[in-house]
Amino acid sequence: MGKRVYDFMRWRKVAAAMSLILVIASIVALATNGLKLGLDFTGGTQIEVGYENPPKIEDVRSQLAQAGFEGAAVVRFGSDSELLIKLPPEVAVKQTQQNARDAEATNSIGDKVVGALRQHSDGRIDLRRVEMMGPQIGEELRDDGGLGMLFALAVVMAYVALRFQYKFAIGAVVALIHDVIIVLGFFAILRLDFDLTVLAAVLAVIGYSINDTIVVYDRVRENFRKVRQAEPDEVINISMSQTLSRTFMTSFTTLLVLWALQFFGGELIHNFSLALIVGVIIGTFSSVYVAANILMAMNITKEDLMPPVKEGAELDEMP
């Protein structure tokens, strides 16, 4: 073949055990801890404030907790002097009157937050904007996001089945489900906020992973037709070895960008980049082992990839 062939399938049982452990741990974490949904899904209040002098986020959080705003999330928004404060819905309701109109309640909660912060600051603090999101909108976003993810998986399965063969489609979808569950489990285990940006990252992971899997599957199909005397595990090893440099370089360069976003992109996209980092690592692993393992488990052969012979075609080819 002209290139060194690595015996990837030698470790397929070990890789399968690792994947099974990660998936089970993720499912247990999702069942016990659940996802810590952000305000995009639960509803709540977002308050943007501007400081004359850049504050310390830890101090702002403690000041809000002392004022009765427990569970407030504080992140920098734009410059070091701009802060975005996110209040859970129960905190906003607690701090406003039950009979207040929506506009009055929104203004009231913003004024209370700024008033509490001004008591501990010598510089000027301005209230820039206040936005309130109801839980109904959050539920719609959550449901639509879940449906979007299921639709993406269904479309991927149909595409792979049409382009390759149904065994490849099953392998691709199992690999994608594997990646999504582990990313969600990672957020459940660490109790990180899961908002719309993280959902977008999960959908991006699906696209990245299927792209890697398609590249590997395309080479597997090609080699099954070329290397006719080899066993299925040998063909898969050859295909993986041929695509290894491409897979490694794509993952490496993507991770470089994501690490830059993680360290220099700010807190607003911190969880977005973190979800993509986990997804790219797991997606690369699943393209090499999970997708190929499914093919081996389903006893893929070169006959599965041969075009069907029409009746009478053999007689037509005779002299």
C-alpha atoms as a PDB file:
ATOM      1  CA  MET A   1       0.000   0.000   0.000  1.00  0.00           C
ATOM      2  CA  GLY A   2       3.070   2.246   0.257  1.00  0.00           C
ATOM      3  CA  LYS A   3       2.232   3.457   3.763  1.00  0.00           C
ATOM      4  CA  ARG A   4       2.488   1.974   7.219  1.00  0.00           C
ATOM      5  CA  VAL A   5      -0.698   0.237   8.336  1.00  0.00           C
ATOM      6  CA  TYR A   6      -1.617   0.511  12.020  1.00  0.00           C
ATOM      7  CA  ASP A   7      -3.590  -2.234  13.713  1.00  0.00           C
ATOM      8  CA  PHE A   8      -6.453  -0.118  15.022  1.00  0.00           C
ATOM      9  CA  MET A   9      -8.876  -3.024  15.270  1.00  0.00           C
ATOM     10  CA  ARG A  10      -6.565  -4.803  17.688  1.00  0.00           C
ATOM     11  CA  TRP A  11      -7.795  -2.428  20.394  1.00  0.00           C
ATOM     12  CA  ARG A  12     -11.423  -2.286  19.334  1.00  0.00           C
ATOM     13  CA  LYS A  13     -12.693  -4.256  22.352  1.00  0.00           C
ATOM     14  CA  VAL A  14     -10.808  -1.988  24.756  1.00  0.00           C
ATOM     15  CA  ALA A  15     -12.144   1.074  22.927  1.00  0.00           C
ATOM     16  CA  ALA A  16     -15.673  -0.353  23.031  1.00  0.00           C
ATOM     17  CA  ALA A  17     -15.376  -0.862  26.798  1.00  0.00           C
ATOM     18  CA  MET A  18     -14.162   2.725  27.256  1.00  0.00           C
ATOM     19  CA  SER A  19     -17.046   4.062  25.186  1.00  0.00           C
ATOM     20  CA  LEU A  20     -19.542   1.976  27.137  1.00  0.00           C
ATOM     21  CA  ILE A  21     -18.195   3.248  30.462  1.00  0.00           C
ATOM     22  CA  LEU A  22     -18.351   6.881  29.296  1.00  0.00           C
ATOM     23  CA  VAL A  23     -21.877   6.509  27.923  1.00  0.00           C
ATOM     24  CA  ILE A  24     -23.169   4.779  31.068  1.00  0.00           C
ATOM     25  CA  ALA A  25     -21.538   7.414  33.301  1.00  0.00           C
ATOM     26  CA  SER A  26     -23.097  10.164  31.172  1.00  0.00           C
ATOM     27  CA  ILE A  27     -26.567   8.603  31.282  1.00  0.00           C
ATOM     28  CA  VAL A  28     -26.344   8.160  35.068  1.00  0.00           C
ATOM     29  CA  ALA A  29     -25.254  11.802  35.466  1.00  0.00           C
ATOM     30  CA  LEU A  30     -28.098  13.006  33.239  1.00  0.00           C
ATOM     31  CA  ALA A  31     -30.596  10.887  35.187  1.00  0.00           C
ATOM     32  CA  THR A  32     -29.400  11.987  38.632  1.00  0.00           C
ATOM     33  CA  ASN A  33     -28.031  15.515  38.187  1.00  0.00           C
ATOM     34  CA  GLY A  34     -29.811  16.517  35.010  1.00  0.00           C
ATOM     35  CA  LEU A  35     -28.678  19.457  32.925  1.00  0.00           C
ATOM     36  CA  LYS A  36     -28.270  22.808  34.638  1.00  0.00           C
ATOM     37  CA  LEU A  37     -30.379  24.756  32.164  1.00  0.00           C
ATOM     38  CA  GLY A  38     -29.533  28.392  31.588  1.00  0.00           C
ATOM     39  CA  LEU A  39     -31.936  31.314  31.418  1.00  0.00           C
ATOM     40  CA  ASP A  40     -32.476  30.654  27.709  1.00  0.00           C
ATOM     41  CA  PHE A  41     -34.476  27.566  28.714  1.00  0.00           C
ATOM     42  CA  THR A  42     -35.760  28.324  32.224  1.00  0.00           C
ATOM     43  CA  GLY A  43     -36.597  32.001  31.812  1.00  0.00           C
ATOM     44  CA  GLY A  44     -35.378  34.756  34.121  1.00  0.00           C
ATOM     45  CA  THR A  45     -33.970  38.265  33.998  1.00  0.00           C
ATOM     46  CA  GLN A  46     -30.848  39.636  32.298  1.00  0.00           C
ATOM     47  CA  ILE A  47     -29.435  42.934  33.544  1.00  0.00           C
ATOM     48  CA  GLU A  48     -26.584  44.788  31.862  1.00  0.00           C
ATOM     49  CA  VAL A  49     -24.688  47.267  34.020  1.00  0.00           C
ATOM     50  CA  GLY A  50     -21.736  49.536  33.301  1.00  0.00           C
ATOM     51  CA  TYR A  51     -19.049  50.361  35.872  1.00  0.00           C
ATOM     52  CA  GLU A  52     -16.835  53.423  35.904  1.00  0.00           C
ATOM     53  CA  ASN A  53     -13.977  51.258  37.202  1.00  0.00           C
ATOM     54  CA  PRO A  54     -13.637  47.576  36.222  1.00  0.00           C
ATOM     55  CA  PRO A  55     -14.916  45.454  39.160  1.00  0.00           C
ATOM     56  CA  LYS A  56     -13.935  41.975  40.326  1.00  0.00           C
ATOM     57  CA  ILE A  57     -16.589  39.457  39.354  1.00  0.00           C
ATOM     58  CA  GLU A  58     -16.195  37.533  42.624  1.00  0.00           C
ATOM     59  CA  ASP A  59     -16.939  40.699  44.599  1.00  0.00           C
ATOM     60  CA  VAL A  60     -20.037  41.432  42.511  1.00  0.00           C
ATOM     61  CA  ARG A  61     -21.366  37.912  43.063  1.00  0.00           C
ATOM     62  CA  SER A  62     -20.892  38.132  46.821  1.00  0.00           C
ATOM     63  CA  GLN A  63     -22.551  41.572  46.900  1.00  0.00           C
ATOM     64  CA  LEU A  64     -25.582  40.241  45.046  1.00  0.00           C
ATOM     65  CA  ALA A  65     -25.810  37.202  47.339  1.00  0.00           C
ATOM     66  CA  GLN A  66     -25.747  39.473  50.397  1.00  0.00           C
ATOM     67  CA  ALA A  67     -28.574  41.538  48.885  1.00  0.00           C
ATOM     68  CA  GLY A  68     -30.750  38.433  48.456  1.00  0.00           C
ATOM     69  CA  PHE A  69     -30.055  37.658  44.797  1.00  0.00           C
ATOM     70  CA  GLU A  70     -28.932  34.061  45.329  1.00  0.00           C
ATOM     71  CA  GLY A  71     -27.818  32.111  42.303  1.00  0.00           C
ATOM     72  CA  ALA A  72     -27.042  35.183  40.200  1.00  0.00           C
ATOM     73  CA  ALA A  73     -24.669  34.522  37.303  1.00  0.00           C
ATOM     74  CA  VAL A  74     -22.238  37.334  36.512  1.00  0.00           C
ATOM     75  CA  VAL A  75     -20.093  37.497  33.360  1.00  0.00           C
ATOM     76  CA  ARG A  76     -18.186  40.222  31.559  1.00  0.00           C
ATOM     77  CA  PHE A  77     -20.004  41.599  28.541  1.00  0.00           C
ATOM     78  CA  GLY A  78     -17.835  43.328  25.974  1.00  0.00           C
ATOM     79  CA  SER A  79     -15.293  45.343  27.986  1.00  0.00           C
ATOM     80  CA  ASP A  80     -13.982  44.782  31.515  1.00  0.00           C
ATOM     81  CA  SER A  81     -16.327  47.520  32.768  1.00  0.00           C
ATOM     82  CA  GLU A  82     -19.496  45.939  31.371  1.00  0.00           C
ATOM     83  CA  LEU A  83     -21.215  43.129  33.277  1.00  0.00           C
ATOM     84  CA  LEU A  84     -24.159  40.924  32.374  1.00  0.00           C
ATOM     85  CA  ILE A  85     -26.085  39.692  35.416  1.00  0.00           C
ATOM     86  CA  LYS A  86     -28.471  36.750  34.998  1.00  0.00           C
ATOM     87  CA  LEU A  87     -31.083  36.121  37.669  1.00  0.00           C
ATOM     88  CA  PRO A  88     -33.074  32.870  37.928  1.00  0.00           C
ATOM     89  CA  PRO A  89     -36.847  33.299  37.621  1.00  0.00           C
ATOM     90  CA  GLU A  90     -37.556  32.450  41.260  1.00  0.00           C
ATOM     91  CA  VAL A  91     -35.174  35.202  42.423  1.00  0.00           C
ATOM     92  CA  ALA A  92     -36.827  37.774  40.166  1.00  0.00           C
ATOM     93  CA  VAL A  93     -40.291  36.833  41.423  1.00  0.00           C
ATOM     94  CA  LYS A  94     -39.120  36.985  45.014  1.00  0.00           C
ATOM     95  CA  GLN A  95     -37.765  40.488  44.582  1.00  0.00           C
ATOM     96  CA  THR A  96     -40.793  41.961  42.838  1.00  0.00           C
ATOM     97  CA  GLN A  97     -44.374  42.456  43.947  1.00  0.00           C
ATOM     98  CA  GLN A  98     -46.920  39.857  42.918  1.00  0.00           C
ATOM     99  CA  ASN A  99     -49.375  42.409  41.537  1.00  0.00           C
ATOM    100  CA  ALA A 100     -46.854  44.461  39.564  1.00  0.00           C
ATOM    101  CA  ARG A 101     -47.164  44.789  35.821  1.00  0.00           C
ATOM    102  CA  ASP A 102     -44.436  43.183  33.680  1.00  0.00           C
ATOM    103  CA  ALA A 103     -42.765  46.469  32.718  1.00  0.00           C
ATOM    104  CA  GLU A 104     -42.842  47.716  36.293  1.00  0.00           C
ATOM    105  CA  ALA A 105     -41.464  44.433  37.598  1.00  0.00           C
ATOM    106  CA  THR A 106     -38.629  44.532  35.077  1.00  0.00           C
ATOM    107  CA  ASN A 107     -37.642  48.095  35.979  1.00  0.00           C
ATOM    108  CA  SER A 108     -37.979  47.335  39.684  1.00  0.00           C
ATOM    109  CA  ILE A 109     -35.639  44.349  39.632  1.00  0.00           C
ATOM    110  CA  GLY A 110     -33.042  46.289  37.627  1.00  0.00           C
ATOM    111  CA  ASP A 111     -33.125  49.227  40.020  1.00  0.00           C
ATOM    112  CA  LYS A 112     -32.797  46.919  43.025  1.00  0.00           C
ATOM    113  CA  VAL A 113     -29.755  45.167  41.568  1.00  0.00           C
ATOM    114  CA  VAL A 114     -27.993  48.427  40.713  1.00  0.00           C
ATOM    115  CA  GLY A 115     -28.925  49.891  44.105  1.00  0.00           C
ATOM    116  CA  ALA A 116     -27.390  46.906  45.893  1.00  0.00           C
ATOM    117  CA  LEU A 117     -24.184  47.183  43.853  1.00  0.00           C
ATOM    118  CA  ARG A 118     -23.861  50.954  44.392  1.00  0.00           C
ATOM    119  CA  GLN A 119     -23.689  50.418  48.143  1.00  0.00           C
ATOM    120  CA  HIS A 120     -20.320  48.689  47.718  1.00  0.00           C
ATOM    121  CA  SER A 121     -18.815  50.818  44.952  1.00  0.00           C
ATOM    122  CA  ASP A 122     -17.171  54.231  45.014  1.00  0.00           C
ATOM    123  CA  GLY A 123     -17.453  54.724  41.257  1.00  0.00           C
ATOM    124  CA  ARG A 124     -20.464  55.225  39.049  1.00  0.00           C
ATOM    125  CA  ILE A 125     -22.688  52.280  38.060  1.00  0.00           C
ATOM    126  CA  ASP A 126     -25.176  52.651  35.212  1.00  0.00           C
ATOM    127  CA  LEU A 127     -28.137  50.443  34.380  1.00  0.00           C
ATOM    128  CA  ARG A 128     -27.872  49.794  30.631  1.00  0.00           C
ATOM    129  CA  ARG A 129     -30.769  47.433  29.933  1.00  0.00           C
ATOM    130  CA  VAL A 130     -33.052  44.892  31.554  1.00  0.00           C
ATOM    131  CA  GLU A 131     -34.632  41.947  29.751  1.00  0.00           C
ATOM    132  CA  MET A 132     -37.081  39.468  31.192  1.00  0.00           C
ATOM    133  CA  MET A 133     -37.723  36.066  29.591  1.00  0.00           C
ATOM    134  CA  GLY A 134     -40.714  34.001  30.652  1.00  0.00           C
ATOM    135  CA  PRO A 135     -40.495  30.236  31.283  1.00  0.00           C
ATOM    136  CA  GLN A 136     -42.884  29.542  28.395  1.00  0.00           C
ATOM    137  CA  ILE A 137     -40.365  30.898  25.879  1.00  0.00           C
ATOM    138  CA  GLY A 138     -37.643  28.841  27.536  1.00  0.00           C
ATOM    139  CA  GLU A 139     -39.714  25.662  27.229  1.00  0.00           C
ATOM    140  CA  GLU A 140     -40.331  26.344  23.536  1.00  0.00           C
ATOM    141  CA  LEU A 141     -36.611  26.866  22.923  1.00  0.00           C
ATOM    142  CA  ARG A 142     -35.789  23.646  24.769  1.00  0.00           C
ATOM    143  CA  ASP A 143     -38.368  21.610  22.847  1.00  0.00           C
ATOM    144  CA  ASP A 144     -37.379  23.102  19.490  1.00  0.00           C
ATOM    145  CA  GLY A 145     -33.704  22.467  20.222  1.00  0.00           C
ATOM    146  CA  GLY A 146     -34.364  18.834  21.081  1.00  0.00           C
ATOM    147  CA  LEU A 147     -36.455  18.330  17.947  1.00  0.00           C
ATOM    148  CA  GLY A 148     -33.733  19.979  15.872  1.00  0.00           C
ATOM    149  CA  MET A 149     -31.163  17.532  17.245  1.00  0.00           C
ATOM    150  CA  LEU A 150     -33.370  14.500  16.503  1.00  0.00           C
ATOM    151  CA  PHE A 151     -34.080  15.812  12.998  1.00  0.00           C
ATOM    152  CA  ALA A 152     -30.351  16.236  12.360  1.00  0.00           C
ATOM    153  CA  LEU A 153     -29.706  12.609  13.394  1.00  0.00           C
ATOM    154  CA  ALA A 154     -32.523  11.348  11.162  1.00  0.00           C
ATOM    155  CA  VAL A 155     -31.262  13.282   8.141  1.00  0.00           C
ATOM    156  CA  VAL A 156     -27.719  12.012   8.705  1.00  0.00           C
ATOM    157  CA  MET A 157     -28.930   8.420   8.877  1.00  0.00           C
ATOM    158  CA  ALA A 158     -30.915   8.778   5.649  1.00  0.00           C
ATOM    159  CA  TYR A 159     -27.977  10.426   3.850  1.00  0.00           C
ATOM    160  CA  VAL A 160     -25.445   7.765   4.866  1.00  0.00           C
ATOM    161  CA  ALA A 161     -27.874   4.953   4.000  1.00  0.00           C
ATOM    162  CA  LEU A 162     -28.379   6.376   0.499  1.00  0.00           C
ATOM    163  CA  ARG A 163     -24.701   7.139  -0.116  1.00  0.00           C
ATOM    164  CA  PHE A 164     -23.250   3.946   1.358  1.00  0.00           C
ATOM    165  CA  GLN A 165     -25.330   1.135   2.861  1.00  0.00           C
ATOM    166  CA  TYR A 166     -27.628   0.630   5.846  1.00  0.00           C
ATOM    167  CA  LYS A 167     -24.860  -0.876   8.010  1.00  0.00           C
ATOM    168  CA  PHE A 168     -22.842   2.297   7.514  1.00  0.00           C
ATOM    169  CA  ALA A 169     -25.899   4.401   8.401  1.00  0.00           C
ATOM    170  CA  ILE A 170     -26.382   2.535  11.682  1.00  0.00           C
ATOM    171  CA  GLY A 171     -22.692   2.917  12.518  1.00  0.00           C
ATOM    172  CA  ALA A 172     -22.718   6.655  11.777  1.00  0.00           C
ATOM    173  CA  VAL A 173     -25.825   7.357  13.855  1.00  0.00           C
ATOM    174  CA  VAL A 174     -24.599   5.236  16.794  1.00  0.00           C
ATOM    175  CA  ALA A 175     -21.328   7.219  16.712  1.00  0.00           C
ATOM    176  CA  LEU A 176     -23.253  10.514  16.704  1.00  0.00           C
ATOM    177  CA  ILE A 177     -25.524   9.466  19.567  1.00  0.00           C
ATOM    178  CA  HIS A 178     -22.394   8.344  21.441  1.00  0.00           C
ATOM    179  CA  ASP A 179     -20.829  11.801  20.969  1.00  0.00           C
ATOM    180  CA  VAL A 180     -23.956  13.747  21.955  1.00  0.00           C
ATOM    181  CA  ILE A 181     -24.584  11.693  25.110  1.00  0.00           C
ATOM    182  CA  ILE A 182     -20.999  12.094  26.313  1.00  0.00           C
ATOM    183  CA  VAL A 183     -20.988  15.873  25.725  1.00  0.00           C
ATOM    184  CA  LEU A 184     -24.302  16.221  27.585  1.00  0.00           C
ATOM    185  CA  GLY A 185     -23.027  13.940  30.334  1.00  0.00           C
ATOM    186  CA  PHE A 186     -19.905  16.076  30.695  1.00  0.00           C
ATOM    187  CA  PHE A 187     -22.066  19.119  31.394  1.00  0.00           C
ATOM    188  CA  ALA A 188     -24.285  17.140  33.767  1.00  0.00           C
ATOM    189  CA  ILE A 189     -21.335  15.791  35.767  1.00  0.00           C
ATOM    190  CA  LEU A 190     -19.666  19.200  36.164  1.00  0.00           C
ATOM    191  CA  ARG A 191     -23.001  21.038  36.604  1.00  0.00           C
ATOM    192  CA  LEU A 192     -22.141  23.594  33.941  1.00  0.00           C
ATOM    193  CA  ASP A 193     -24.768  25.936  32.520  1.00  0.00           C
ATOM    194  CA  PHE A 194     -26.465  24.534  29.421  1.00  0.00           C
ATOM    195  CA  ASP A 195     -27.834  27.343  27.274  1.00  0.00           C
ATOM    196  CA  LEU A 196     -28.494  28.026  23.594  1.00  0.00           C
ATOM    197  CA  THR A 197     -24.799  28.519  22.814  1.00  0.00           C
ATOM    198  CA  VAL A 198     -24.024  25.039  24.189  1.00  0.00           C
ATOM    199  CA  LEU A 199     -26.917  23.566  22.202  1.00  0.00           C
ATOM    200  CA  ALA A 200     -25.444  25.189  19.093  1.00  0.00           C
ATOM    201  CA  ALA A 201     -22.089  23.617  19.989  1.00  0.00           C
ATOM    202  CA  VAL A 202     -23.720  20.174  20.284  1.00  0.00           C
ATOM    203  CA  LEU A 203     -25.254  20.563  16.822  1.00  0.00           C
ATOM    204  CA  ALA A 204     -21.834  21.657  15.516  1.00  0.00           C
ATOM    205  CA  VAL A 205     -20.315  18.520  17.064  1.00  0.00           C
ATOM    206  CA  ILE A 206     -22.820  16.434  15.093  1.00  0.00           C
ATOM    207  CA  GLY A 207     -21.691  18.115  11.880  1.00  0.00           C
ATOM    208  CA  TYR A 208     -18.002  17.757  12.705  1.00  0.00           C
ATOM    209  CA  SER A 209     -18.304  14.116  13.729  1.00  0.00           C
ATOM    210  CA  ILE A 210     -20.319  13.049  10.693  1.00  0.00           C
ATOM    211  CA  ASN A 211     -17.827  14.767   8.405  1.00  0.00           C
ATOM    212  CA  ASP A 212     -14.985  12.748   9.945  1.00  0.00           C
ATOM    213  CA  THR A 213     -17.020   9.549   9.781  1.00  0.00           C
ATOM    214  CA  ILE A 214     -17.943  10.082   6.114  1.00  0.00           C
ATOM    215  CA  VAL A 215     -14.270  10.533   5.190  1.00  0.00           C
ATOM    216  CA  VAL A 216     -13.368   7.252   6.912  1.00  0.00           C
ATOM    217  CA  TYR A 217     -16.372   5.401   5.480  1.00  0.00           C
ATOM    218  CA  ASP A 218     -15.590   6.590   1.965  1.00  0.00           C
ATOM    219  CA  ARG A 219     -12.102   5.120   2.204  1.00  0.00           C
ATOM    220  CA  VAL A 220     -13.448   1.892   3.728  1.00  0.00           C
ATOM    221  CA  ARG A 221     -15.858   1.456   0.836  1.00  0.00           C
ATOM    222  CA  GLU A 222     -13.132   2.159  -1.694  1.00  0.00           C
ATOM    223  CA  ASN A 223     -10.705  -0.318  -0.126  1.00  0.00           C
ATOM    224  CA  PHE A 224     -13.323  -3.059   0.172  1.00  0.00           C
ATOM    225  CA  ARG A 225     -13.615  -2.912  -3.601  1.00  0.00           C
ATOM    226  CA  LYS A 226      -9.851  -2.676  -4.211  1.00  0.00           C
ATOM    227  CA  VAL A 227      -8.331  -5.034  -1.619  1.00  0.00           C
ATOM    228  CA  ARG A 228     -10.466  -8.085  -2.343  1.00  0.00           C
ATOM    229  CA  GLN A 229      -8.316 -10.716  -0.570  1.00  0.00           C
ATOM    230  CA  ALA A 230      -8.120  -8.931   2.791  1.00  0.00           C
ATOM    231  CA  GLU A 231     -10.327  -9.585   5.811  1.00  0.00           C
ATOM    232  CA  PRO A 232     -12.743  -6.842   6.954  1.00  0.00           C
ATOM    233  CA  ASP A 233     -10.552  -5.853   9.929  1.00  0.00           C
ATOM    234  CA  GLU A 234      -7.528  -5.542   7.619  1.00  0.00           C
ATOM    235  CA  VAL A 235      -9.472  -3.352   5.199  1.00  0.00           C
ATOM    236  CA  ILE A 236     -10.614  -1.099   8.046  1.00  0.00           C
ATOM    237  CA  ASN A 237      -7.050  -0.869   9.408  1.00  0.00           C
ATOM    238  CA  ILE A 238      -5.786   0.147   5.952  1.00  0.00           C
ATOM    239  CA  SER A 239      -8.536   2.756   5.600  1.00  0.00           C
ATOM    240  CA  MET A 240      -7.930   4.203   9.065  1.00  0.00           C
ATOM    241  CA  SER A 241      -4.188   4.417   8.432  1.00  0.00           C
ATOM    242  CA  GLN A 242      -4.710   6.217   5.129  1.00  0.00           C
ATOM    243  CA  THR A 243      -6.995   8.831   6.687  1.00  0.00           C
ATOM    244  CA  LEU A 244      -5.058   9.145   9.967  1.00  0.00           C
ATOM    245  CA  SER A 245      -2.958  12.162   8.995  1.00  0.00           C
ATOM    246  CA  ARG A 246      -6.012  14.017   7.684  1.00  0.00           C
ATOM    247  CA  THR A 247      -8.047  13.189  10.814  1.00  0.00           C
ATOM    248  CA  PHE A 248      -5.229  14.188  13.160  1.00  0.00           C
ATOM    249  CA  MET A 249      -4.424  17.479  11.426  1.00  0.00           C
ATOM    250  CA  THR A 250      -8.102  18.490  11.178  1.00  0.00           C
ATOM    251  CA  SER A 251      -8.690  17.776  14.866  1.00  0.00           C
ATOM    252  CA  PHE A 252      -5.444  19.446  15.930  1.00  0.00           C
ATOM    253  CA  THR A 253      -6.026  22.688  14.031  1.00  0.00           C
ATOM    254  CA  THR A 254      -9.664  22.826  15.169  1.00  0.00           C
ATOM    255  CA  LEU A 255      -8.615  22.361  18.792  1.00  0.00           C
ATOM    256  CA  LEU A 256      -6.056  25.162  18.480  1.00  0.00           C
ATOM    257  CA  VAL A 257      -8.835  27.581  17.543  1.00  0.00           C
ATOM    258  CA  LEU A 258     -11.122  26.279  20.278  1.00  0.00           C
ATOM    259  CA  TRP A 259      -8.440  26.591  22.954  1.00  0.00           C
ATOM    260  CA  ALA A 260      -7.893  30.184  21.853  1.00  0.00           C
ATOM    261  CA  LEU A 261     -11.623  30.834  22.257  1.00  0.00           C
ATOM    262  CA  GLN A 262     -11.584  29.091  25.620  1.00  0.00           C
ATOM    263  CA  PHE A 263      -8.822  31.253  27.084  1.00  0.00           C
ATOM    264  CA  PHE A 264      -9.325  34.560  25.271  1.00  0.00           C
ATOM    265  CA  GLY A 265     -12.948  34.560  24.096  1.00  0.00           C
ATOM    266  CA  GLY A 266     -14.513  35.668  27.362  1.00  0.00           C
ATOM    267  CA  GLU A 267     -17.025  34.061  29.687  1.00  0.00           C
ATOM    268  CA  LEU A 268     -19.999  34.407  27.353  1.00  0.00           C
ATOM    269  CA  ILE A 269     -18.625  31.747  24.990  1.00  0.00           C
ATOM    270  CA  HIS A 270     -16.688  29.772  27.606  1.00  0.00           C
ATOM    271  CA  ASN A 271     -19.150  26.860  27.729  1.00  0.00           C
ATOM    272  CA  PHE A 272     -19.648  27.002  23.951  1.00  0.00           C
ATOM    273  CA  SER A 273     -15.951  26.449  23.274  1.00  0.00           C
ATOM    274  CA  LEU A 274     -15.708  23.861  26.070  1.00  0.00           C
ATOM    275  CA  ALA A 275     -18.539  21.802  24.565  1.00  0.00           C
ATOM    276  CA  LEU A 276     -16.833  21.918  21.172  1.00  0.00           C
ATOM    277  CA  ILE A 277     -13.471  20.867  22.644  1.00  0.00           C
ATOM    278  CA  VAL A 278     -15.029  17.831  24.308  1.00  0.00           C
ATOM    279  CA  GLY A 279     -17.058  17.098  21.169  1.00  0.00           C
ATOM    280  CA  VAL A 280     -14.091  17.272  18.795  1.00  0.00           C
ATOM    281  CA  ILE A 281     -12.015  14.917  20.972  1.00  0.00           C
ATOM    282  CA  ILE A 282     -14.857  12.431  21.416  1.00  0.00           C
ATOM    283  CA  GLY A 283     -15.917  12.799  17.770  1.00  0.00           C
ATOM    284  CA  THR A 284     -12.426  11.957  16.532  1.00  0.00           C
ATOM    285  CA  PHE A 285     -12.337   8.903  18.794  1.00  0.00           C
ATOM    286  CA  SER A 286     -15.784   7.732  17.652  1.00  0.00           C
ATOM    287  CA  SER A 287     -14.896   8.132  13.959  1.00  0.00           C
ATOM    288  CA  VAL A 288     -11.925   5.824  14.446  1.00  0.00           C
ATOM    289  CA  TYR A 289     -13.423   3.266  16.782  1.00  0.00           C
ATOM    290  CA  VAL A 290     -17.182   3.505  17.385  1.00  0.00           C
ATOM    291  CA  ALA A 291     -18.237   3.790  13.736  1.00  0.00           C
ATOM    292  CA  ALA A 292     -15.758   1.099  12.657  1.00  0.00           C
ATOM    293  CA  ASN A 293     -16.670  -1.127  15.608  1.00  0.00           C
ATOM    294  CA  ILE A 294     -20.301  -1.123  14.522  1.00  0.00           C
ATOM    295  CA  LEU A 295     -19.265  -2.251  11.033  1.00  0.00           C
ATOM    296  CA  MET A 296     -17.259  -5.119  12.519  1.00  0.00           C
ATOM    297  CA  ALA A 297     -20.108  -6.074  14.858  1.00  0.00           C
ATOM    298  CA  MET A 298     -22.524  -6.203  11.898  1.00  0.00           C
ATOM    299  CA  ASN A 299     -20.098  -8.401   9.898  1.00  0.00           C
ATOM    300  CA  ILE A 300     -19.532  -5.995   7.039  1.00  0.00           C
ATOM    301  CA  THR A 301     -18.245  -7.715   3.871  1.00  0.00           C
ATOM    302  CA  LYS A 302     -17.287  -6.609   0.378  1.00  0.00           C
ATOM    303  CA  GLU A 303     -20.520  -8.159  -0.922  1.00  0.00           C
ATOM    304  CA  ASP A 304     -22.453  -5.532   1.037  1.00  0.00           C
ATOM    305  CA  LEU A 305     -20.848  -2.819  -1.071  1.00  0.00           C
ATOM    306  CA  MET A 306     -21.120  -4.445  -4.469  1.00  0.00           C
ATOM    307  CA  PRO A 307     -23.837  -3.034  -6.751  1.00  0.00           C
ATOM    308  CA  PRO A 308     -26.725  -5.478  -7.238  1.00  0.00           C
ATOM    309  CA  VAL A 309     -26.609  -7.519 -10.445  1.00  0.00           C
ATOM    310  CA  LYS A 310     -29.698  -7.199 -12.591  1.00  0.00           C
ATOM    311  CA  GLU A 311     -31.397 -10.290 -13.930  1.00  0.00           C
ATOM    312  CA  GLY A 312     -30.086 -11.154 -17.351  1.00  0.00           C
ATOM    313  CA  ALA A 313     -26.973  -8.993 -17.007  1.00  0.00           C
ATOM    314  CA  GLU A 314     -24.665 -12.025 -16.840  1.00  0.00           C
ATOM    315  CA  LEU A 315     -26.152 -13.444 -20.043  1.00  0.00           C
ATOM    316  CA  ASP A 316     -25.707 -10.116 -21.819  1.00  0.00           C
ATOM    317  CA  GLU A 317     -21.999 -10.056 -20.946  1.00  0.00           C
ATOM    318  CA  MET A 318     -21.396 -13.529 -22.505  1.00  0.00           C
ATOM    319  CA  PRO A 319     -19.823 -13.531 -25.994  1.00  0.00           C
END
